[in-house]
Amino acid sequence: MGKFMKPGKVVMVLAGRYAGRKAVIVKNIDDGTADRPYSHALVAGIDRYPRKVTTTMGKKKIAKRSKIKAFVKVFNYNHLMPTRSVSQLGMDNVSVSADVSHLTYRYRSDK
């Protein structure tokens, strides 16, 4: 069976805080590493989706409801469900540093 968890693949998060959220694989590690001895992937996704907006709402309320919040996290393959969709965003030239595991750097990258 071929490897299908590749960068650009759209996945659904199945477990944890972001369960039910859509995400895109940025980098995949099939063989594991020393600190994570299992296959895992770095994903970026949408934590808070924009809400419904109507014409009767004011500008402040529309601005508040239109905000999107993103997340960047490393997930075990068991906690991801791949979809048939593949993102065409050109993920080949994205530089991924080792600082993603550090919380302060991850917080900055979310914004």
C-alpha atoms as a PDB file:
ATOM      1  CA  MET A   1       0.000   0.000   0.000  1.00  0.00           C
ATOM      2  CA  GLY A   2       1.364   3.421  -0.941  1.00  0.00           C
ATOM      3  CA  LYS A   3       1.949   6.303   1.403  1.00  0.00           C
ATOM      4  CA  PHE A   4      -0.932   8.724   1.237  1.00  0.00           C
ATOM      5  CA  MET A   5      -0.192  11.064   4.166  1.00  0.00           C
ATOM      6  CA  LYS A   6       1.754  13.659   2.199  1.00  0.00           C
ATOM      7  CA  PRO A   7       2.157  17.433   2.511  1.00  0.00           C
ATOM      8  CA  GLY A   8      -0.901  19.218   1.177  1.00  0.00           C
ATOM      9  CA  LYS A   9      -3.325  16.429   2.106  1.00  0.00           C
ATOM     10  CA  VAL A  10      -6.496  17.689   3.795  1.00  0.00           C
ATOM     11  CA  VAL A  11      -7.293  15.759   6.992  1.00  0.00           C
ATOM     12  CA  MET A  12      -9.868  15.774   9.771  1.00  0.00           C
ATOM     13  CA  VAL A  13      -8.583  15.748  13.352  1.00  0.00           C
ATOM     14  CA  LEU A  14     -10.232  12.915  15.291  1.00  0.00           C
ATOM     15  CA  ALA A  15      -9.019  13.316  18.868  1.00  0.00           C
ATOM     16  CA  GLY A  16      -8.061  15.997  21.331  1.00  0.00           C
ATOM     17  CA  ARG A  17      -8.786  19.676  21.595  1.00  0.00           C
ATOM     18  CA  TYR A  18      -9.113  20.160  17.842  1.00  0.00           C
ATOM     19  CA  ALA A  19     -11.324  17.122  17.192  1.00  0.00           C
ATOM     20  CA  GLY A  20     -13.611  17.690  14.228  1.00  0.00           C
ATOM     21  CA  ARG A  21     -11.448  20.439  12.761  1.00  0.00           C
ATOM     22  CA  LYS A  22     -10.088  20.453   9.233  1.00  0.00           C
ATOM     23  CA  ALA A  23      -6.340  20.733   8.722  1.00  0.00           C
ATOM     24  CA  VAL A  24      -3.664  20.425   6.040  1.00  0.00           C
ATOM     25  CA  ILE A  25      -0.494  18.372   6.445  1.00  0.00           C
ATOM     26  CA  VAL A  26       2.564  20.642   6.304  1.00  0.00           C
ATOM     27  CA  LYS A  27       5.218  17.995   6.996  1.00  0.00           C
ATOM     28  CA  ASN A  28       4.955  14.255   7.542  1.00  0.00           C
ATOM     29  CA  ILE A  29       7.343  11.917   9.368  1.00  0.00           C
ATOM     30  CA  ASP A  30       6.567   8.284   8.550  1.00  0.00           C
ATOM     31  CA  ASP A  31       9.344   6.599  10.547  1.00  0.00           C
ATOM     32  CA  GLY A  32       9.179   8.629  13.739  1.00  0.00           C
ATOM     33  CA  THR A  33      11.905  10.475  15.612  1.00  0.00           C
ATOM     34  CA  ALA A  34      13.770  10.023  18.888  1.00  0.00           C
ATOM     35  CA  ASP A  35      11.256  12.009  20.929  1.00  0.00           C
ATOM     36  CA  ARG A  36       8.205  10.779  18.952  1.00  0.00           C
ATOM     37  CA  PRO A  37       8.822   7.110  18.014  1.00  0.00           C
ATOM     38  CA  TYR A  38       5.647   6.854  15.933  1.00  0.00           C
ATOM     39  CA  SER A  39       4.544   8.163  12.568  1.00  0.00           C
ATOM     40  CA  HIS A  40       3.233  11.687  12.902  1.00  0.00           C
ATOM     41  CA  ALA A  41       2.525  14.851  10.941  1.00  0.00           C
ATOM     42  CA  LEU A  42       2.775  18.579  11.481  1.00  0.00           C
ATOM     43  CA  VAL A  43      -0.589  20.048  10.524  1.00  0.00           C
ATOM     44  CA  ALA A  44      -1.970  23.554  10.203  1.00  0.00           C
ATOM     45  CA  GLY A  45      -5.688  24.095  10.425  1.00  0.00           C
ATOM     46  CA  ILE A  46      -8.595  26.297  11.383  1.00  0.00           C
ATOM     47  CA  ASP A  47      -9.536  26.292  15.063  1.00  0.00           C
ATOM     48  CA  ARG A  48     -12.338  28.853  14.956  1.00  0.00           C
ATOM     49  CA  TYR A  49     -14.331  29.254  11.758  1.00  0.00           C
ATOM     50  CA  PRO A  50     -16.104  32.507  10.827  1.00  0.00           C
ATOM     51  CA  ARG A  51     -19.716  32.662  11.974  1.00  0.00           C
ATOM     52  CA  LYS A  52     -22.861  33.651  10.126  1.00  0.00           C
ATOM     53  CA  VAL A  53     -23.229  37.375   9.375  1.00  0.00           C
ATOM     54  CA  THR A  54     -26.463  39.191   8.504  1.00  0.00           C
ATOM     55  CA  THR A  55     -27.135  42.653   7.112  1.00  0.00           C
ATOM     56  CA  THR A  56     -28.693  43.912  10.356  1.00  0.00           C
ATOM     57  CA  MET A  57     -25.456  43.500  12.344  1.00  0.00           C
ATOM     58  CA  GLY A  58     -23.170  46.428  13.097  1.00  0.00           C
ATOM     59  CA  LYS A  59     -19.597  46.784  11.833  1.00  0.00           C
ATOM     60  CA  LYS A  60     -18.030  45.749  15.155  1.00  0.00           C
ATOM     61  CA  LYS A  61     -20.139  42.626  15.396  1.00  0.00           C
ATOM     62  CA  ILE A  62     -19.431  41.694  11.768  1.00  0.00           C
ATOM     63  CA  ALA A  63     -15.699  42.174  12.343  1.00  0.00           C
ATOM     64  CA  LYS A  64     -15.799  40.030  15.486  1.00  0.00           C
ATOM     65  CA  ARG A  65     -17.796  37.230  13.860  1.00  0.00           C
ATOM     66  CA  SER A  66     -15.573  37.212  10.764  1.00  0.00           C
ATOM     67  CA  LYS A  67     -12.365  36.358  12.641  1.00  0.00           C
ATOM     68  CA  ILE A  68     -10.560  33.091  11.972  1.00  0.00           C
ATOM     69  CA  LYS A  69      -8.227  31.406  14.452  1.00  0.00           C
ATOM     70  CA  ALA A  70      -5.589  28.965  13.217  1.00  0.00           C
ATOM     71  CA  PHE A  71      -3.599  26.199  14.909  1.00  0.00           C
ATOM     72  CA  VAL A  72      -0.305  24.419  14.236  1.00  0.00           C
ATOM     73  CA  LYS A  73       0.245  21.074  15.958  1.00  0.00           C
ATOM     74  CA  VAL A  74       1.938  17.695  15.622  1.00  0.00           C
ATOM     75  CA  PHE A  75      -0.508  14.777  15.497  1.00  0.00           C
ATOM     76  CA  ASN A  76      -0.133  11.010  15.515  1.00  0.00           C
ATOM     77  CA  TYR A  77      -1.417   9.455  12.273  1.00  0.00           C
ATOM     78  CA  ASN A  78      -3.975   7.512  14.353  1.00  0.00           C
ATOM     79  CA  HIS A  79      -5.635  10.811  15.273  1.00  0.00           C
ATOM     80  CA  LEU A  80      -6.003  12.022  11.674  1.00  0.00           C
ATOM     81  CA  MET A  81      -8.495  10.947   9.032  1.00  0.00           C
ATOM     82  CA  PRO A  82      -7.359  11.717   5.484  1.00  0.00           C
ATOM     83  CA  THR A  83      -9.865  13.040   2.980  1.00  0.00           C
ATOM     84  CA  ARG A  84      -9.749  12.710  -0.768  1.00  0.00           C
ATOM     85  CA  SER A  85      -8.858  16.400  -1.111  1.00  0.00           C
ATOM     86  CA  VAL A  86      -5.345  17.678  -1.692  1.00  0.00           C
ATOM     87  CA  SER A  87      -4.440  21.331  -1.236  1.00  0.00           C
ATOM     88  CA  GLN A  88      -2.646  22.990  -4.145  1.00  0.00           C
ATOM     89  CA  LEU A  89      -1.011  25.699  -2.045  1.00  0.00           C
ATOM     90  CA  GLY A  90       2.587  24.911  -2.993  1.00  0.00           C
ATOM     91  CA  MET A  91       3.710  23.354   0.282  1.00  0.00           C
ATOM     92  CA  ASP A  92       7.054  22.292  -1.224  1.00  0.00           C
ATOM     93  CA  ASN A  93       8.857  25.534  -0.412  1.00  0.00           C
ATOM     94  CA  VAL A  94       7.523  25.956   3.139  1.00  0.00           C
ATOM     95  CA  SER A  95      10.346  25.994   5.673  1.00  0.00           C
ATOM     96  CA  VAL A  96       9.571  24.090   8.862  1.00  0.00           C
ATOM     97  CA  SER A  97      11.864  24.696  11.801  1.00  0.00           C
ATOM     98  CA  ALA A  98      12.339  22.604  14.912  1.00  0.00           C
ATOM     99  CA  ASP A  99      10.918  25.469  16.991  1.00  0.00           C
ATOM    100  CA  VAL A 100       7.336  24.321  16.371  1.00  0.00           C
ATOM    101  CA  SER A 101       7.511  22.083  19.433  1.00  0.00           C
ATOM    102  CA  HIS A 102       8.289  25.096  21.646  1.00  0.00           C
ATOM    103  CA  LEU A 103       5.058  26.745  22.829  1.00  0.00           C
ATOM    104  CA  THR A 104       6.082  30.395  22.432  1.00  0.00           C
ATOM    105  CA  TYR A 105       7.229  29.928  18.851  1.00  0.00           C
ATOM    106  CA  ARG A 106       4.112  27.921  18.042  1.00  0.00           C
ATOM    107  CA  TYR A 107       1.954  30.705  19.489  1.00  0.00           C
ATOM    108  CA  ARG A 108       3.665  33.240  17.210  1.00  0.00           C
ATOM    109  CA  SER A 109       3.252  31.013  14.152  1.00  0.00           C
ATOM    110  CA  ASP A 110      -0.495  30.679  14.796  1.00  0.00           C
ATOM    111  CA  LYS A 111      -0.955  34.403  14.204  1.00  0.00           C
END
